[in-house]
Protein backbone atom coordinates (compact mmCIF):
# COMPACT_ATOMS: atom_id res chain seq x y z
CA MET A 1 12.23 87.61 36.46
CA SER A 2 10.02 84.84 35.16
CA PHE A 3 11.73 81.91 33.42
CA THR A 4 9.12 80.68 30.98
CA ARG A 5 8.73 77.26 29.42
CA ARG A 6 9.48 78.78 26.04
CA GLU A 7 12.80 80.21 27.28
CA PHE A 8 13.85 76.91 28.83
CA THR A 9 12.90 74.96 25.69
CA ARG A 10 14.83 77.41 23.51
CA GLN A 11 17.89 77.17 25.78
CA SER A 12 17.70 73.37 25.65
CA ALA A 13 17.52 73.39 21.87
CA LEU A 14 20.44 75.81 21.53
CA THR A 15 22.74 73.91 23.86
CA GLY A 16 21.53 70.49 22.78
CA ALA A 17 23.40 67.75 24.59
CA GLY A 18 25.08 70.38 26.75
CA ILE A 19 22.20 70.57 29.20
CA ALA A 20 21.95 66.82 29.54
CA LEU A 21 25.74 66.63 29.88
CA THR A 22 25.83 69.24 32.61
CA GLY A 23 23.17 67.37 34.51
CA ALA A 24 24.63 63.92 33.96
CA VAL A 25 28.35 64.34 34.50
CA GLY A 26 29.01 64.17 38.20
CA ALA A 27 25.48 63.09 39.04
CA LEU A 28 25.15 61.01 42.17
CA ALA A 29 23.41 57.68 42.59
CA THR A 30 23.22 55.57 45.69
CA ALA A 31 22.40 52.04 46.76
CA PRO A 32 21.55 48.88 44.90
CA GLY A 33 18.77 49.69 42.50
CA ALA A 34 19.84 53.31 42.14
CA LEU A 35 19.87 54.82 38.68
CA ALA A 36 23.36 56.22 38.22
CA ALA A 37 24.49 58.77 35.70
CA GLU A 38 27.54 57.70 33.76
CA ASP A 39 30.95 59.03 34.69
CA PRO A 40 32.98 59.57 31.51
CA GLU A 41 36.18 58.07 32.97
CA HIS A 42 34.90 55.10 34.92
CA GLY A 43 31.47 54.30 33.60
CA PRO A 44 28.23 54.06 35.56
CA GLY A 45 28.18 54.45 39.33
CA HIS A 46 27.41 51.37 41.42
CA GLY A 47 26.49 50.41 44.95
CA SER A 48 27.65 47.14 46.49
CA GLU A 49 26.11 44.95 49.15
CA ASN A 50 28.10 46.61 51.90
CA GLY A 51 27.28 50.04 50.57
CA ARG A 52 30.81 50.72 49.26
CA GLY A 53 31.13 51.89 45.70
CA HIS A 54 33.10 50.22 42.93
CA GLY A 55 35.20 51.87 40.27
CA HIS A 56 38.45 51.51 38.37
CA ASP A 57 40.24 53.96 40.63
CA LYS A 58 40.58 53.86 44.39
CA SER A 59 37.29 53.05 46.09
CA PRO A 60 35.79 55.84 48.16
CA GLY A 61 35.06 55.64 51.84
CA TYR A 62 36.79 54.23 54.88
CA GLY A 63 36.13 50.51 54.83
CA PRO A 64 33.53 48.30 56.49
CA LEU A 65 31.65 49.31 59.62
CA LEU A 66 32.71 47.62 62.84
CA PRO A 67 30.08 46.77 65.49
CA ASP A 68 30.16 48.97 68.58
CA PRO A 69 30.74 47.06 71.86
CA GLU A 70 28.61 49.77 73.52
CA GLY A 71 25.76 49.13 71.09
CA ILE A 72 25.43 52.73 69.91
CA LEU A 73 27.38 53.54 66.73
CA ALA A 74 29.22 51.30 64.28
CA LEU A 75 32.13 53.08 62.55
CA PRO A 76 35.03 52.20 60.26
CA ALA A 77 38.38 51.26 61.76
CA GLY A 78 40.26 54.28 63.09
CA PHE A 79 37.12 56.31 63.83
CA SER A 80 35.63 57.03 67.23
CA TYR A 81 32.74 58.94 68.71
CA ARG A 82 31.81 60.67 71.92
CA ILE A 83 28.38 61.54 73.27
CA VAL A 84 27.94 65.30 73.51
CA THR A 85 24.37 65.40 74.85
CA HIS A 86 21.94 62.64 75.79
CA SER A 87 18.28 63.26 76.56
CA GLY A 88 17.45 62.64 80.20
CA VAL A 89 21.11 61.93 81.02
CA THR A 90 23.02 65.15 80.42
CA THR A 91 21.72 68.43 81.84
CA LEU A 92 21.38 72.06 80.84
CA GLU A 93 23.07 74.89 82.69
CA SER A 94 19.79 75.27 84.58
CA GLY A 95 20.10 71.72 85.90
CA GLU A 96 17.11 70.52 83.84
CA PRO A 97 17.55 67.43 81.63
CA THR A 98 18.54 67.70 77.97
CA PRO A 99 15.32 67.61 75.89
CA SER A 100 14.58 64.64 73.65
CA ASN A 101 14.05 64.07 69.92
CA HIS A 102 17.17 65.72 68.54
CA ASP A 103 16.83 66.81 64.92
CA GLY A 104 18.32 69.50 62.66
CA THR A 105 21.64 70.96 63.78
CA ALA A 106 24.20 73.55 62.65
CA ALA A 107 27.74 74.17 63.85
CA PHE A 108 29.32 77.60 64.38
CA GLU A 109 32.87 78.64 65.23
CA GLY A 110 33.29 79.90 68.76
CA PRO A 111 36.28 81.46 70.52
CA ARG A 112 39.46 79.53 71.38
CA GLY A 113 38.54 76.25 69.74
CA VAL A 114 34.94 76.18 70.95
CA THR A 115 32.24 74.85 68.63
CA LEU A 116 28.70 76.15 69.11
CA LEU A 117 25.84 73.93 67.96
CA VAL A 118 22.18 74.81 67.69
CA ASN A 119 20.13 71.63 68.09
CA ASN A 120 16.45 71.29 67.18
CA HIS A 121 14.11 69.13 69.27
CA GLU A 122 11.25 67.73 67.20
CA LEU A 123 8.53 67.60 69.84
CA LYS A 124 4.93 67.91 68.69
CA GLY A 125 1.79 68.70 70.64
CA PRO A 126 1.23 69.55 74.31
CA ARG A 127 4.02 69.31 76.83
CA SER A 128 2.24 66.57 78.75
CA LYS A 129 3.04 64.14 75.91
CA TRP A 130 6.78 64.25 76.51
CA LYS A 131 9.01 63.28 79.41
CA TYR A 132 11.72 65.72 78.35
CA PRO A 133 10.26 68.76 76.56
CA VAL A 134 12.32 71.89 75.97
CA PRO A 135 12.25 73.83 79.30
CA LEU A 136 10.26 77.05 79.31
CA ALA A 137 13.21 79.36 79.93
CA GLU A 138 12.15 82.84 81.01
CA GLY A 139 11.95 85.29 78.10
CA LEU A 140 12.60 82.64 75.44
CA VAL A 141 9.07 81.18 75.11
CA TYR A 142 6.81 81.62 72.08
CA ASP A 143 3.86 79.43 73.11
CA PRO A 144 3.94 78.00 76.67
CA ALA A 145 1.72 75.10 75.55
CA ALA A 146 4.20 73.78 72.96
CA SER A 147 6.91 71.19 73.64
CA GLY A 148 9.62 71.89 71.09
CA GLY A 149 12.41 74.37 70.58
CA CYS A 150 16.19 74.52 70.31
CA THR A 151 19.11 74.20 72.64
CA VAL A 152 22.53 75.74 72.13
CA VAL A 153 25.46 73.45 72.88
CA GLU A 154 28.99 74.67 73.58
CA THR A 155 31.53 71.90 73.13
CA ARG A 156 35.31 71.92 73.48
CA ASN A 157 37.97 69.60 72.12
CA ASP A 158 38.67 68.32 75.65
CA GLY A 159 35.08 67.11 75.94
CA ARG A 160 33.75 69.84 78.21
CA THR A 161 30.20 70.78 77.26
CA ALA A 162 27.58 73.32 78.25
CA GLU A 163 23.97 73.50 77.01
CA TRP A 164 21.20 76.07 77.35
CA VAL A 165 17.82 76.91 75.80
CA GLY A 166 17.86 78.99 72.61
CA ILE A 167 14.10 79.06 72.04
CA ALA A 168 11.16 77.25 73.67
CA GLY A 169 7.45 76.91 73.11
CA THR A 170 7.65 76.04 69.42
CA SER A 171 6.30 72.89 67.80
CA THR A 172 7.94 70.04 65.91
CA ASN A 173 11.26 71.77 65.26
CA CYS A 174 12.42 69.54 62.47
CA ALA A 175 15.15 71.06 60.33
CA GLY A 176 16.09 74.58 59.37
CA GLY A 177 19.27 76.19 58.11
CA SER A 178 22.26 78.27 59.08
CA THR A 179 22.82 81.76 57.73
CA ALA A 180 25.89 83.53 56.38
CA TRP A 181 25.74 85.93 59.34
CA GLY A 182 26.02 83.15 61.93
CA THR A 183 22.49 82.36 63.09
CA TRP A 184 20.17 79.36 62.87
CA LEU A 185 16.70 79.36 61.33
CA THR A 186 14.59 76.72 63.05
CA CYS A 187 11.50 75.44 61.26
CA GLU A 188 8.20 74.18 62.67
CA GLU A 189 6.97 71.11 60.80
CA ASN A 190 3.50 71.60 62.22
CA SER A 191 0.84 74.18 61.37
CA ASP A 192 -1.59 73.87 64.27
CA LYS A 193 -3.55 77.05 64.90
CA ALA A 194 -4.29 78.51 68.30
CA GLY A 195 -6.92 76.29 69.91
CA GLN A 196 -5.79 73.12 68.11
CA ASN A 197 -4.08 70.37 70.14
CA GLY A 198 -3.91 72.65 73.14
CA MET A 199 -1.85 75.34 71.41
CA THR A 200 -2.32 78.96 72.45
CA LYS A 201 -0.65 80.51 69.37
CA ASP A 202 -0.51 79.72 65.65
CA HIS A 203 2.33 77.49 64.52
CA GLY A 204 3.94 76.61 61.20
CA TYR A 205 6.66 79.27 61.13
CA ALA A 206 10.42 79.73 61.04
CA PHE A 207 12.29 81.47 63.87
CA GLU A 208 15.82 82.83 64.10
CA VAL A 209 18.13 81.67 66.91
CA ASP A 210 21.45 83.37 67.65
CA PRO A 211 24.04 81.01 69.18
CA TYR A 212 26.35 83.88 70.13
CA ASP A 213 23.99 86.35 71.81
CA ARG A 214 21.45 85.00 74.30
CA ARG A 215 19.79 88.40 74.60
CA ALA A 216 19.00 88.41 70.88
CA ASN A 217 16.75 85.35 71.38
CA ARG A 218 14.47 86.97 73.92
CA ASP A 219 10.82 87.52 73.00
CA PRO A 220 10.77 85.05 70.06
CA ARG A 221 9.05 86.34 66.95
CA PRO A 222 8.06 84.15 63.99
CA ILE A 223 9.25 85.11 60.52
CA LYS A 224 5.75 85.28 59.06
CA ALA A 225 7.05 86.57 55.74
CA PHE A 226 8.31 83.03 55.04
CA GLY A 227 4.75 81.68 55.27
CA ARG A 228 2.83 79.35 57.59
CA TYR A 229 2.91 75.68 56.64
CA ASP A 230 4.72 72.48 57.63
CA HIS A 231 8.24 73.89 57.27
CA GLU A 232 11.12 71.47 56.93
CA ALA A 233 14.30 73.31 55.97
CA VAL A 234 15.53 76.65 54.68
CA VAL A 235 18.66 78.02 53.02
CA ILE A 236 19.46 81.59 52.03
CA ASP A 237 21.33 82.59 48.90
CA PRO A 238 24.17 84.70 50.36
CA LYS A 239 24.42 86.82 47.21
CA ALA A 240 20.84 87.39 46.06
CA GLY A 241 19.28 87.16 49.53
CA HIS A 242 16.50 84.81 48.42
CA ALA A 243 15.35 82.16 50.87
CA TYR A 244 14.54 78.65 49.61
CA LEU A 245 12.30 76.46 51.76
CA THR A 246 10.93 72.92 51.73
CA GLU A 247 7.57 71.63 52.98
CA ASP A 248 7.16 68.12 54.38
CA ALA A 249 3.49 67.41 53.76
CA SER A 250 1.11 65.11 51.92
CA GLY A 251 -2.49 65.08 50.74
CA PRO A 252 -1.48 66.82 48.47
CA ASN A 253 2.31 66.61 48.46
CA GLY A 254 4.36 69.57 49.65
CA LEU A 255 6.03 72.37 47.72
CA PHE A 256 9.45 73.89 47.14
CA TYR A 257 9.30 77.62 47.95
CA ARG A 258 11.27 80.77 47.27
CA TRP A 259 11.02 83.99 49.27
CA VAL A 260 12.12 87.15 47.49
CA PRO A 261 13.05 89.94 49.92
CA PRO A 262 11.56 93.41 49.55
CA GLN A 263 13.56 95.96 47.60
CA GLY A 264 16.32 97.48 49.70
CA PHE A 265 16.26 94.80 52.40
CA LYS A 266 19.69 93.72 53.61
CA HIS A 267 20.18 90.52 55.58
CA GLY A 268 22.03 90.51 58.87
CA ARG A 269 21.87 89.41 62.47
CA GLY A 270 18.36 90.05 63.81
CA LYS A 271 17.06 91.64 60.60
CA LEU A 272 14.55 88.90 59.73
CA ARG A 273 12.52 89.48 62.89
CA THR A 274 12.02 93.11 61.85
CA LEU A 275 10.22 92.16 58.62
CA ALA A 276 6.54 92.94 58.17
CA ASP A 277 4.34 89.84 58.06
CA ASP A 278 3.74 90.36 54.33
CA ALA A 279 7.25 91.53 53.42
CA GLY A 280 8.66 90.33 50.13
CA VAL A 281 7.05 87.70 47.95
CA LEU A 282 6.58 83.99 48.76
CA GLN A 283 6.47 81.76 45.69
CA ALA A 284 6.16 78.07 44.83
CA ALA A 285 8.15 76.23 42.17
CA LYS A 286 6.60 75.22 38.86
CA CYS A 287 8.77 72.88 36.80
CA PHE A 288 8.78 71.88 33.15
CA ASP A 289 10.98 69.53 31.14
CA ARG A 290 13.22 70.42 28.20
CA ASN A 291 10.29 70.01 25.84
CA GLY A 292 8.30 72.63 27.71
CA VAL A 293 5.94 70.07 29.27
CA PHE A 294 4.69 70.86 32.78
CA VAL A 295 5.93 68.48 35.52
CA ASP A 296 3.33 67.91 38.21
CA ASP A 297 5.52 65.99 40.69
CA LEU A 298 9.26 65.59 41.19
CA SER A 299 8.87 61.81 41.34
CA ARG A 300 8.38 61.90 37.54
CA ALA A 301 12.17 62.05 37.19
CA THR A 302 13.44 58.49 36.78
CA LYS A 303 17.05 59.13 35.76
CA THR A 304 19.83 61.04 37.49
CA GLY A 305 20.89 63.99 35.41
CA THR A 306 17.28 64.94 34.66
CA VAL A 307 17.05 68.73 34.40
CA TYR A 308 13.87 70.74 34.89
CA GLY A 309 13.39 74.44 34.26
CA VAL A 310 11.81 76.30 37.17
CA ASP A 311 9.36 79.17 37.19
CA TRP A 312 7.98 80.70 40.37
CA VAL A 313 4.29 81.24 41.16
CA ASP A 314 3.15 83.70 43.83
CA VAL A 315 1.45 82.26 46.91
CA PRO A 316 -2.02 83.85 47.32
CA ASP A 317 -2.26 83.69 51.14
CA ARG A 318 1.07 82.91 52.78
CA ASP A 319 -0.36 82.84 56.32
CA ALA A 320 -2.96 80.24 55.28
CA ARG A 321 -5.78 81.76 57.28
CA THR A 322 -8.47 79.54 55.73
CA VAL A 323 -6.72 77.18 53.27
CA PRO A 324 -3.29 75.53 53.68
CA VAL A 325 -0.76 77.06 51.31
CA ARG A 326 -0.20 73.90 49.27
CA LYS A 327 -3.98 73.56 48.72
CA GLN A 328 -4.28 77.08 47.31
CA PHE A 329 -2.97 75.82 43.96
CA GLY A 330 -4.65 73.71 41.31
CA GLN A 331 -3.20 70.56 39.75
CA LEU A 332 -1.55 72.46 36.91
CA ASP A 333 -0.28 75.42 38.93
CA VAL A 334 2.78 74.10 40.77
CA THR A 335 5.14 71.12 41.06
CA ARG A 336 4.83 68.93 44.17
CA GLY A 337 7.12 66.47 45.91
CA ARG A 338 6.66 63.87 48.65
CA LYS A 339 8.52 64.51 51.92
CA LEU A 340 10.61 67.46 50.82
CA GLU A 341 13.17 67.41 53.59
CA GLY A 342 16.72 68.57 54.30
CA MET A 343 18.57 71.31 52.44
CA TRP A 344 22.13 72.58 52.18
CA TRP A 345 23.56 75.59 50.38
CA GLY A 346 26.71 74.74 48.44
CA ASP A 347 28.26 74.90 44.98
CA GLY A 348 26.35 78.11 44.31
CA GLY A 349 22.92 76.61 44.84
CA ALA A 350 20.59 74.61 47.05
CA TYR A 351 20.63 70.84 47.52
CA LEU A 352 17.23 69.53 48.61
CA VAL A 353 15.86 66.10 49.44
CA SER A 354 12.69 64.20 48.63
CA SER A 355 12.90 61.40 51.15
CA TYR A 356 10.69 58.88 49.35
CA ALA A 357 7.55 58.51 47.23
CA ARG A 358 4.86 55.87 47.45
CA ASP A 359 1.36 55.45 45.99
CA GLU A 360 0.46 59.06 46.79
CA SER A 361 2.95 60.07 44.07
CA PRO A 362 3.06 59.31 40.32
CA VAL A 363 6.28 57.22 40.60
CA GLU A 364 7.65 55.39 43.63
CA HIS A 365 11.24 55.78 44.82
CA ASP A 366 13.27 55.56 48.02
CA GLY A 367 14.85 58.96 47.83
CA GLN A 368 15.97 61.82 45.61
CA VAL A 369 18.49 64.63 46.04
CA TRP A 370 18.05 67.63 43.76
CA PHE A 371 20.25 70.65 43.09
CA TYR A 372 18.67 74.02 42.37
CA ASP A 373 20.86 76.40 40.39
CA PRO A 374 19.49 79.93 40.90
CA LYS A 375 21.48 81.38 37.98
CA ARG A 376 20.20 78.84 35.44
CA ARG A 377 16.87 78.47 37.26
CA THR A 378 17.06 74.70 36.95
CA LEU A 379 16.57 71.67 39.18
CA THR A 380 18.92 68.76 38.46
CA LEU A 381 18.40 65.28 39.90
CA LYS A 382 21.68 64.28 41.56
CA VAL A 383 20.68 61.21 43.58
CA LEU A 384 17.96 58.64 42.95
CA LEU A 385 17.45 55.62 45.18
CA GLY A 386 15.45 52.67 43.96
CA ILE A 387 13.04 50.90 46.27
CA ASN A 388 14.93 49.04 48.98
CA PRO A 389 13.36 45.55 49.03
CA ASP A 390 14.43 44.74 52.59
CA PRO A 391 15.37 47.69 54.84
CA SER A 392 15.99 45.31 57.74
CA LYS A 393 19.15 44.02 56.02
CA ASP A 394 22.36 46.01 56.17
CA GLY A 395 23.82 47.26 52.91
CA ALA A 396 21.37 49.25 50.84
CA PHE A 397 20.59 52.88 51.57
CA ASP A 398 17.16 54.51 51.48
CA SER A 399 15.09 57.48 52.68
CA PRO A 400 17.63 60.33 52.72
CA ASP A 401 16.77 63.12 55.11
CA ASN A 402 19.50 65.34 56.57
CA ILE A 403 22.17 66.25 54.05
CA THR A 404 25.42 68.16 54.07
CA VAL A 405 28.17 68.88 51.58
CA SER A 406 31.37 67.35 52.92
CA PRO A 407 34.63 69.34 53.05
CA TYR A 408 36.23 66.08 51.86
CA GLY A 409 34.17 65.82 48.69
CA GLY A 410 30.66 64.72 47.80
CA LEU A 411 27.72 64.55 50.15
CA VAL A 412 27.05 63.08 53.59
CA ILE A 413 23.47 61.87 53.95
CA ALA A 414 21.45 60.71 56.96
CA GLU A 415 18.83 57.99 56.59
CA ASP A 416 15.30 58.22 57.97
CA GLY A 417 13.63 55.04 56.82
CA GLU A 418 12.46 51.67 57.99
CA GLY A 419 14.92 49.14 59.39
CA ILE A 420 18.62 49.88 59.71
CA SER A 421 19.76 53.52 59.68
CA HIS A 422 23.05 54.81 58.29
CA LEU A 423 25.08 57.87 57.68
CA PHE A 424 26.52 57.40 54.22
CA GLY A 425 28.60 59.30 51.73
CA ALA A 426 28.09 59.72 48.01
CA THR A 427 30.78 60.80 45.61
CA GLU A 428 30.08 63.04 42.68
CA ASN A 429 30.38 60.24 40.14
CA GLY A 430 27.81 58.02 41.82
CA ARG A 431 29.64 55.73 44.21
CA THR A 432 28.48 55.33 47.79
CA TYR A 433 30.08 54.26 51.03
CA PRO A 434 29.00 53.82 54.66
CA ILE A 435 30.16 56.20 57.38
CA ALA A 436 28.16 55.01 60.39
CA ARG A 437 25.34 52.68 61.40
CA ASN A 438 22.95 53.16 64.30
CA ASP A 439 23.41 50.13 66.54
CA LEU A 440 21.16 51.43 69.34
CA ASN A 441 18.17 49.09 69.40
CA VAL A 442 15.15 50.96 70.78
CA GLY A 443 12.89 48.00 70.05
CA THR A 444 13.20 44.46 71.36
CA ALA A 445 15.46 41.52 70.59
CA GLU A 446 12.57 39.89 68.70
CA ALA A 447 11.55 43.08 66.88
CA PRO A 448 14.56 45.42 66.72
CA ALA A 449 14.05 49.06 65.83
CA TYR A 450 16.57 51.75 65.05
CA SER A 451 15.86 55.47 65.13
CA GLU A 452 16.66 57.83 62.30
CA PHE A 453 19.84 59.86 62.04
CA ALA A 454 19.45 63.64 61.96
CA GLY A 455 21.40 66.87 62.27
CA VAL A 456 24.42 65.84 60.21
CA THR A 457 26.94 68.69 60.03
CA PHE A 458 30.70 69.18 60.13
CA SER A 459 32.52 71.37 62.63
CA PRO A 460 33.90 74.61 61.16
CA ASP A 461 37.42 73.12 61.00
CA GLY A 462 36.12 69.98 59.25
CA LYS A 463 37.63 67.61 61.80
CA THR A 464 34.41 66.48 63.50
CA LEU A 465 31.16 65.21 62.02
CA PHE A 466 28.23 65.86 64.34
CA ALA A 467 25.07 63.78 64.02
CA ASN A 468 21.99 62.97 66.08
CA ILE A 469 20.21 59.74 66.85
CA GLN A 470 16.71 61.15 67.19
CA THR A 471 15.32 58.62 69.66
CA PRO A 472 15.98 58.86 72.55
CA GLY A 473 17.96 61.97 71.59
CA ILE A 474 21.76 61.67 71.40
CA LEU A 475 24.16 64.19 69.87
CA LEU A 476 27.36 62.49 68.71
CA ALA A 477 30.76 63.85 67.69
CA ILE A 478 32.56 61.57 65.20
CA THR A 479 36.27 61.91 64.53
CA GLY A 480 38.79 59.89 62.56
CA PRO A 481 41.07 59.81 59.52
CA TRP A 482 38.87 61.87 57.21
CA LYS A 483 40.24 62.09 53.68
CA ARG A 484 39.32 63.65 50.41
CA GLN A 485 36.95 61.56 48.34
CA PRO A 486 37.12 61.24 44.54
CA ASN A 487 35.47 63.96 42.42
CA ARG A 488 35.40 66.63 45.08
CA PRO A 489 32.72 69.34 44.63
CA ARG A 490 33.95 72.87 43.98
CA THR A 491 32.83 74.44 47.25
CA ALA A 492 30.99 73.58 50.44
CA GLY A 493 28.85 75.35 52.99
CA GLY A 494 25.28 75.60 54.20
CA THR A 495 22.71 73.97 56.42
CA THR A 496 21.14 70.72 57.70
CA SER A 497 17.61 69.22 58.29
CA ASP A 498 15.34 66.27 59.37
């Protein structure tokens, strides 16, 4: 059902301040320079120099970060971590080294206290480029020329770990999303065609990986119904069955997509791979403000609590045989966004990230988090980060990427920017706090460099926060005195991304 500009304008007029109130109360803002929505009890949200929020009630978070003697991960007092996998150090069941460039991850409940993780490896181009590509496990290979894929990790509370290939021969597996039926959708953030960069098959697809059934992963088949483009992340509405997808691309900026399943289709384990290539309808978002004015780019929103109505425009050629999907639309056809990244399904809708915007966009920022409400057909800006003037200094947060809804309230966000990288939390009323800092210097003493965090996700029991340091590729399990944060969201659940 189309949600027209006229309908959204009429709804805005009828509810008046109600729409703005719904968007503003509980909006999130992070970091110095962020634009915070006002909390009716405590006033505007703030970020402090050490990243901890201020307010009249108890401050959120766990205190300052303490340097790690091992030079890997700084954490608050009382917290600890263990390394689950480490590229080139740990090994798969086959004896081959753990692949590098860890990215999107999801956690699933296994038997007798086991946690199963599906871990993306964001490896682009031919295998010769990488020291530790995903091994070409027999029966699990899509394109033998490609470097990326996923591994499945089985980890126990006593530290015992096993790892094996879930899919191989895919390219640039960035993020993805978990499903309500217990599988992982891995997304290729690369749309090389067969013959480009040494590839033997077309890329730019999503694939389903089953962490429970190795046989189900044999003979990988792309979900072409979701389209071919630089996929970032995907979530699926467990009630309506719609898939929502982000595209990390520029020149022009990428799009926010919706896939509507064909009539009578029922989701379930292995069902997506049975879809016809043109099954359902792939659509791109078209936004307009409360006055009915078309919004060309999400960076136009300069205040948290901004609400846009969303209509959906059919994609002409989802497999992009001659023209990339995002270039099939004119300037007034769809709404774009720079670096549309991680997603998470929670609170009855989809959280999605725009990591930053620079001069390719109408307005510059250092990160946005939006919430799409499928019932209201609205996008609400929940987090807005102002430009970080000096990313090399600890304190401010920028460039959100992976995101998850925390079982303890609010969001947990992974940074992928310049300079220092953090995992940080954001409460619903706009206060922020640090959770971890990457202390692993992959540069030099004179020019330090710190890789991005990725794959942030909680274990099913909520006791462990898993996260990746992408370079060289380390999967970490973080435990400690987790506690509920102020202004806890109603529900939690969903997926992660790059």
